[in-house]
Amino acid sequence: MRLVKSLVERCFDLITLLSDSAGAMSLGEISRRLDVPKSAAHRLLTTMCELGWAEQDPENGFYRLSLRLAVVGQRLLVGTRIPDICQPVLDRLAQSTEGLGRIAIVDPDGLTWIANSQGARSGLVYQPELVARVPLHITANGKAWLATLDRDEALARAVASGLGNPAIGGPRVITTKQTFSAALDETQEQGWASAIEEAEPGVAAIAAVIRMDQQVVGTVSVAGPIHRFSPSVIPSVAEKVAAAAKEISSLWPYRLASGPSAALSQVGR
């Protein structure tokens, strides 16, 4: 039984590794990163290729995930009704603030972006690099979620995300545990988080958590150029973000366990 579990664990470790890099990797690099013999890594990769979950580049022999996993993930996302139910709320938030609205969901590894909406129609438009994983220590979303965790766990996750590495983040990035802990205290008191030029120069963001009952299931945020999100308007923007988080929490698809009919009924309330 333990052998089967070990193989399953290795398989998911391999999927996680290849999905994080999103590009092709050599057998040797995969073996090194997973800390498994090349023979074991090769057997897993061969099986995944045979099943259509991975593919090997015919020119250099490197391995990468196929799009099958992305298709399955998209089906799951559609099945949760998150796009149908939450997107209109996100669109209204983005339009009312003229910023980039985004939703991230909590997963075992942190936060993952799942939806966005661009509210700016003219002037300077903020368009960040397209990445799936949310950098926890430099984003308002990361602060909002980490502020709900046990402080030791929150700081450990922040360090794993890059806290203390001056090469990551913008000109006002937080670099010490003490300062970051103080920022989490402020987030708890306010009920929302902000990140002013912490992720990128000239960019400000505000975020709040989405809850299902008492469980935090995600975050919603809005971001844009600091000239549009100056200190004088941040409190009013934060109110809109907090209101959007509350509305999304009341509609959160995972609470609709009765199926599509229940989802339609909830939306109509």
Protein backbone atom coordinates (compact mmCIF):
# COMPACT_ATOMS: atom_id res chain seq x y z
CA MET A 1 0.00 0.00 0.00
CA ARG A 2 2.83 2.36 0.87
CA LEU A 3 4.46 1.61 -2.52
CA VAL A 4 1.30 2.63 -4.37
CA LYS A 5 1.05 5.83 -2.36
CA SER A 6 4.69 6.60 -3.04
CA LEU A 7 4.16 6.23 -6.78
CA VAL A 8 1.10 8.47 -6.67
CA GLU A 9 2.99 11.07 -4.66
CA ARG A 10 5.88 11.00 -7.13
CA CYS A 11 3.47 11.37 -10.02
CA PHE A 12 1.90 14.49 -8.53
CA ASP A 13 5.33 15.87 -7.62
CA LEU A 14 6.28 15.47 -11.28
CA ILE A 15 3.10 17.18 -12.48
CA THR A 16 3.68 20.07 -10.05
CA LEU A 17 7.29 20.47 -11.18
CA LEU A 18 6.44 20.54 -14.87
CA SER A 19 3.47 22.85 -14.36
CA ASP A 20 5.57 25.32 -12.36
CA SER A 21 8.18 25.59 -15.08
CA ALA A 22 5.60 25.40 -17.91
CA GLY A 23 8.46 24.61 -20.27
CA ALA A 24 10.32 21.48 -21.27
CA MET A 25 12.88 19.95 -18.90
CA SER A 26 15.57 17.34 -19.38
CA LEU A 27 15.37 13.95 -17.69
CA GLY A 28 18.46 14.79 -15.65
CA GLU A 29 16.99 18.07 -14.38
CA ILE A 30 13.71 16.36 -13.48
CA SER A 31 15.58 13.62 -11.64
CA ARG A 32 17.63 16.18 -9.73
CA ARG A 33 14.69 18.42 -8.82
CA LEU A 34 12.55 15.51 -7.63
CA ASP A 35 15.50 13.79 -5.92
CA VAL A 36 14.72 10.44 -7.56
CA PRO A 37 16.87 8.13 -9.72
CA LYS A 38 16.79 8.79 -13.45
CA SER A 39 15.33 5.34 -14.02
CA ALA A 40 12.35 6.08 -11.75
CA ALA A 41 11.77 9.48 -13.33
CA HIS A 42 11.98 7.94 -16.80
CA ARG A 43 9.37 5.29 -15.93
CA LEU A 44 6.96 7.95 -14.66
CA LEU A 45 7.51 10.16 -17.70
CA THR A 46 7.08 7.25 -20.10
CA THR A 47 3.77 6.29 -18.49
CA MET A 48 2.53 9.89 -18.52
CA CYS A 49 3.46 10.23 -22.19
CA GLU A 50 1.66 6.99 -23.04
CA LEU A 51 -1.47 8.25 -21.24
CA GLY A 52 -1.32 11.62 -22.96
CA TRP A 53 -0.55 13.75 -19.88
CA ALA A 54 3.00 14.58 -20.97
CA GLU A 55 4.97 14.73 -24.19
CA GLN A 56 8.61 14.51 -25.23
CA ASP A 57 10.23 16.96 -27.60
CA PRO A 58 11.47 14.90 -30.58
CA GLU A 59 14.40 17.25 -31.18
CA ASN A 60 16.05 17.45 -27.75
CA GLY A 61 14.27 14.72 -25.76
CA PHE A 62 13.04 17.18 -23.11
CA TYR A 63 9.70 16.56 -21.37
CA ARG A 64 6.74 18.85 -20.79
CA LEU A 65 3.12 18.53 -19.79
CA SER A 66 0.59 18.23 -22.58
CA LEU A 67 -2.41 20.55 -22.75
CA ARG A 68 -4.63 17.77 -21.47
CA LEU A 69 -4.11 18.87 -17.87
CA ALA A 70 -5.04 22.45 -18.76
CA VAL A 71 -8.21 21.24 -20.49
CA VAL A 72 -9.24 19.18 -17.46
CA GLY A 73 -8.50 22.13 -15.17
CA GLN A 74 -10.61 24.42 -17.34
CA ARG A 75 -13.48 21.94 -17.21
CA LEU A 76 -13.25 21.86 -13.42
CA LEU A 77 -13.21 25.65 -13.24
CA VAL A 78 -16.28 25.89 -15.45
CA GLY A 79 -17.98 23.20 -13.38
CA THR A 80 -17.54 25.23 -10.20
CA ARG A 81 -19.41 28.11 -11.91
CA ILE A 82 -16.80 30.57 -10.64
CA PRO A 83 -16.59 32.38 -14.02
CA ASP A 84 -20.38 32.64 -14.38
CA ILE A 85 -21.11 33.73 -10.83
CA CYS A 86 -18.10 35.81 -9.85
CA GLN A 87 -17.10 37.51 -13.10
CA PRO A 88 -19.93 40.09 -13.11
CA VAL A 89 -18.93 41.24 -9.62
CA LEU A 90 -15.29 41.46 -10.67
CA ASP A 91 -16.25 43.39 -13.81
CA ARG A 92 -18.17 45.97 -11.77
CA LEU A 93 -15.25 46.38 -9.36
CA ALA A 94 -12.76 46.88 -12.20
CA GLN A 95 -14.98 49.36 -14.01
CA SER A 96 -15.82 51.42 -10.92
CA THR A 97 -12.15 51.75 -9.96
CA GLU A 98 -10.69 51.84 -13.49
CA GLY A 99 -8.19 49.20 -12.44
CA LEU A 100 -7.32 45.58 -13.05
CA GLY A 101 -9.58 43.37 -10.97
CA ARG A 102 -8.45 39.83 -10.16
CA ILE A 103 -9.61 36.81 -8.19
CA ALA A 104 -7.29 34.18 -6.74
CA ILE A 105 -8.23 30.94 -5.00
CA VAL A 106 -6.49 29.25 -2.09
CA ASP A 107 -4.79 25.94 -2.83
CA PRO A 108 -2.32 23.85 -0.79
CA ASP A 109 0.63 25.77 -2.23
CA GLY A 110 -0.76 29.28 -1.77
CA LEU A 111 -2.85 31.42 -4.13
CA THR A 112 -3.53 30.94 -7.83
CA TRP A 113 -5.03 33.52 -10.19
CA ILE A 114 -8.24 32.32 -11.84
CA ALA A 115 -10.04 35.43 -13.16
CA ASN A 116 -9.35 39.00 -14.18
CA SER A 117 -11.12 42.05 -15.56
CA GLN A 118 -9.62 45.22 -17.02
CA GLY A 119 -11.57 48.33 -16.05
CA ALA A 120 -9.31 51.00 -17.54
CA ARG A 121 -10.42 52.05 -21.00
CA SER A 122 -8.03 54.94 -21.63
CA GLY A 123 -4.78 56.40 -20.38
CA LEU A 124 -2.17 54.25 -18.69
CA VAL A 125 -3.38 50.64 -18.40
CA TYR A 126 -1.81 48.19 -15.94
CA GLN A 127 -1.20 44.78 -17.50
CA PRO A 128 0.99 42.52 -15.34
CA GLU A 129 3.02 39.55 -16.44
CA LEU A 130 0.79 36.52 -16.93
CA VAL A 131 1.66 34.03 -14.20
CA ALA A 132 -0.57 31.54 -12.40
CA ARG A 133 0.98 31.64 -8.94
CA VAL A 134 0.46 34.70 -6.75
CA PRO A 135 3.71 36.01 -5.18
CA LEU A 136 2.66 36.11 -1.54
CA HIS A 137 5.02 38.60 0.08
CA ILE A 138 4.85 41.37 -2.53
CA THR A 139 1.13 41.43 -3.38
CA ALA A 140 -1.95 42.75 -1.63
CA ASN A 141 -3.61 39.40 -2.31
CA GLY A 142 -0.81 37.57 -0.54
CA LYS A 143 -0.94 39.88 2.47
CA ALA A 144 -4.74 39.62 2.71
CA TRP A 145 -4.58 35.83 2.84
CA LEU A 146 -1.47 35.51 5.02
CA ALA A 147 -3.03 37.86 7.59
CA THR A 148 -5.69 35.18 8.23
CA LEU A 149 -3.15 32.46 9.01
CA ASP A 150 -1.19 31.61 12.12
CA ARG A 151 1.64 34.15 12.18
CA ASP A 152 4.45 31.58 12.15
CA GLU A 153 2.90 29.84 9.15
CA ALA A 154 2.30 33.16 7.45
CA LEU A 155 5.91 34.25 7.84
CA ALA A 156 7.19 30.85 6.72
CA ARG A 157 5.09 31.08 3.55
CA ALA A 158 6.29 34.65 2.97
CA VAL A 159 9.93 33.56 3.27
CA ALA A 160 9.29 30.66 0.88
CA SER A 161 7.76 33.19 -1.53
CA GLY A 162 10.93 35.29 -1.45
CA LEU A 163 10.72 37.56 1.59
CA GLY A 164 14.25 38.79 2.29
CA ASN A 165 15.40 38.47 -1.32
CA PRO A 166 16.06 42.05 -2.54
CA ALA A 167 16.04 40.87 -6.15
CA ILE A 168 12.29 40.18 -5.96
CA GLY A 169 9.74 43.00 -6.02
CA GLY A 170 9.51 46.73 -6.57
CA PRO A 171 11.21 49.74 -4.95
CA ARG A 172 9.14 49.58 -1.74
CA VAL A 173 9.25 45.82 -1.23
CA ILE A 174 9.30 44.61 2.37
CA THR A 175 12.48 42.67 3.14
CA THR A 176 12.30 41.73 6.84
CA LYS A 177 10.05 39.45 8.87
CA GLN A 178 9.48 42.14 11.49
CA THR A 179 8.24 44.71 8.96
CA PHE A 180 6.14 42.14 7.13
CA SER A 181 4.56 41.00 10.39
CA ALA A 182 3.66 44.61 11.14
CA ALA A 183 2.06 44.86 7.68
CA LEU A 184 -0.04 41.79 8.49
CA ASP A 185 -1.12 43.42 11.76
CA GLU A 186 -2.24 46.47 9.80
CA THR A 187 -4.10 44.27 7.34
CA GLN A 188 -5.97 42.55 10.16
CA GLU A 189 -6.98 45.89 11.67
CA GLN A 190 -8.15 47.36 8.35
CA GLY A 191 -9.87 44.28 6.98
CA TRP A 192 -8.04 44.72 3.66
CA ALA A 193 -4.46 44.74 2.38
CA SER A 194 -2.50 47.13 0.23
CA ALA A 195 0.75 46.90 -1.69
CA ILE A 196 2.16 50.19 -2.95
CA GLU A 197 5.06 49.69 -5.36
CA GLU A 198 5.95 46.48 -3.55
CA ALA A 199 5.46 44.20 -6.54
CA GLU A 200 6.29 46.60 -9.36
CA PRO A 201 7.36 50.25 -9.72
CA GLY A 202 4.45 52.63 -10.13
CA VAL A 203 1.76 50.08 -9.25
CA ALA A 204 -0.62 50.01 -6.29
CA ALA A 205 -3.03 47.23 -5.31
CA ILE A 206 -5.74 46.62 -2.70
CA ALA A 207 -7.16 43.20 -1.79
CA ALA A 208 -9.61 41.50 0.57
CA VAL A 209 -10.34 37.86 1.32
CA ILE A 210 -13.27 35.80 0.09
CA ARG A 211 -14.82 33.52 2.69
CA MET A 212 -17.14 30.56 2.65
CA ASP A 213 -18.62 30.76 6.13
CA GLN A 214 -15.44 31.18 8.22
CA GLN A 215 -13.08 29.53 5.75
CA VAL A 216 -10.96 31.74 3.50
CA VAL A 217 -11.28 30.38 -0.04
CA GLY A 218 -9.72 33.16 -2.07
CA THR A 219 -8.98 36.85 -2.55
CA VAL A 220 -10.24 39.64 -4.76
CA SER A 221 -8.15 42.66 -5.68
CA VAL A 222 -7.85 45.70 -7.86
CA ALA A 223 -4.58 47.20 -9.07
CA GLY A 224 -3.39 50.02 -11.26
CA PRO A 225 -1.00 52.95 -11.69
CA ILE A 226 -0.29 54.80 -8.43
CA HIS A 227 -1.48 58.09 -9.94
CA ARG A 228 -4.93 56.49 -10.13
CA PHE A 229 -4.62 54.83 -6.71
CA SER A 230 -3.13 57.65 -4.69
CA PRO A 231 -3.21 57.59 -0.85
CA SER A 232 -6.21 59.93 -0.87
CA VAL A 233 -8.41 57.51 -2.84
CA ILE A 234 -7.17 54.20 -1.45
CA PRO A 235 -9.71 54.14 1.43
CA SER A 236 -12.64 54.52 -0.97
CA VAL A 237 -11.17 51.90 -3.31
CA ALA A 238 -10.68 49.59 -0.33
CA GLU A 239 -14.39 49.96 0.52
CA LYS A 240 -15.29 48.84 -3.00
CA VAL A 241 -12.89 45.90 -2.82
CA ALA A 242 -14.25 44.84 0.57
CA ALA A 243 -17.81 45.11 -0.73
CA ALA A 244 -16.92 42.99 -3.77
CA ALA A 245 -15.30 40.39 -1.51
CA LYS A 246 -18.44 40.25 0.63
CA GLU A 247 -20.68 39.85 -2.42
CA ILE A 248 -18.49 37.14 -3.94
CA SER A 249 -18.43 35.38 -0.56
CA SER A 250 -22.22 35.26 -0.54
CA LEU A 251 -22.24 33.75 -4.02
CA TRP A 252 -19.15 31.53 -3.76
CA PRO A 253 -19.84 28.53 -6.00
CA TYR A 254 -18.37 25.91 -3.69
CA ARG A 255 -21.17 26.47 -1.21
CA LEU A 256 -23.69 25.46 -3.89
CA ALA A 257 -23.46 21.73 -3.32
CA SER A 258 -26.89 20.97 -4.75
CA GLY A 259 -25.88 21.40 -8.38
CA PRO A 260 -26.69 23.78 -11.26
CA SER A 261 -30.28 24.44 -10.24
CA ALA A 262 -29.16 25.62 -6.81
CA ALA A 263 -26.54 27.83 -8.43
CA LEU A 264 -29.13 29.53 -10.61
CA SER A 265 -31.39 29.98 -7.61
CA GLN A 266 -28.56 31.59 -5.61
CA VAL A 267 -27.69 33.99 -8.41
CA GLY A 268 -31.29 35.08 -8.73
CA ARG A 269 -31.51 36.20 -5.09
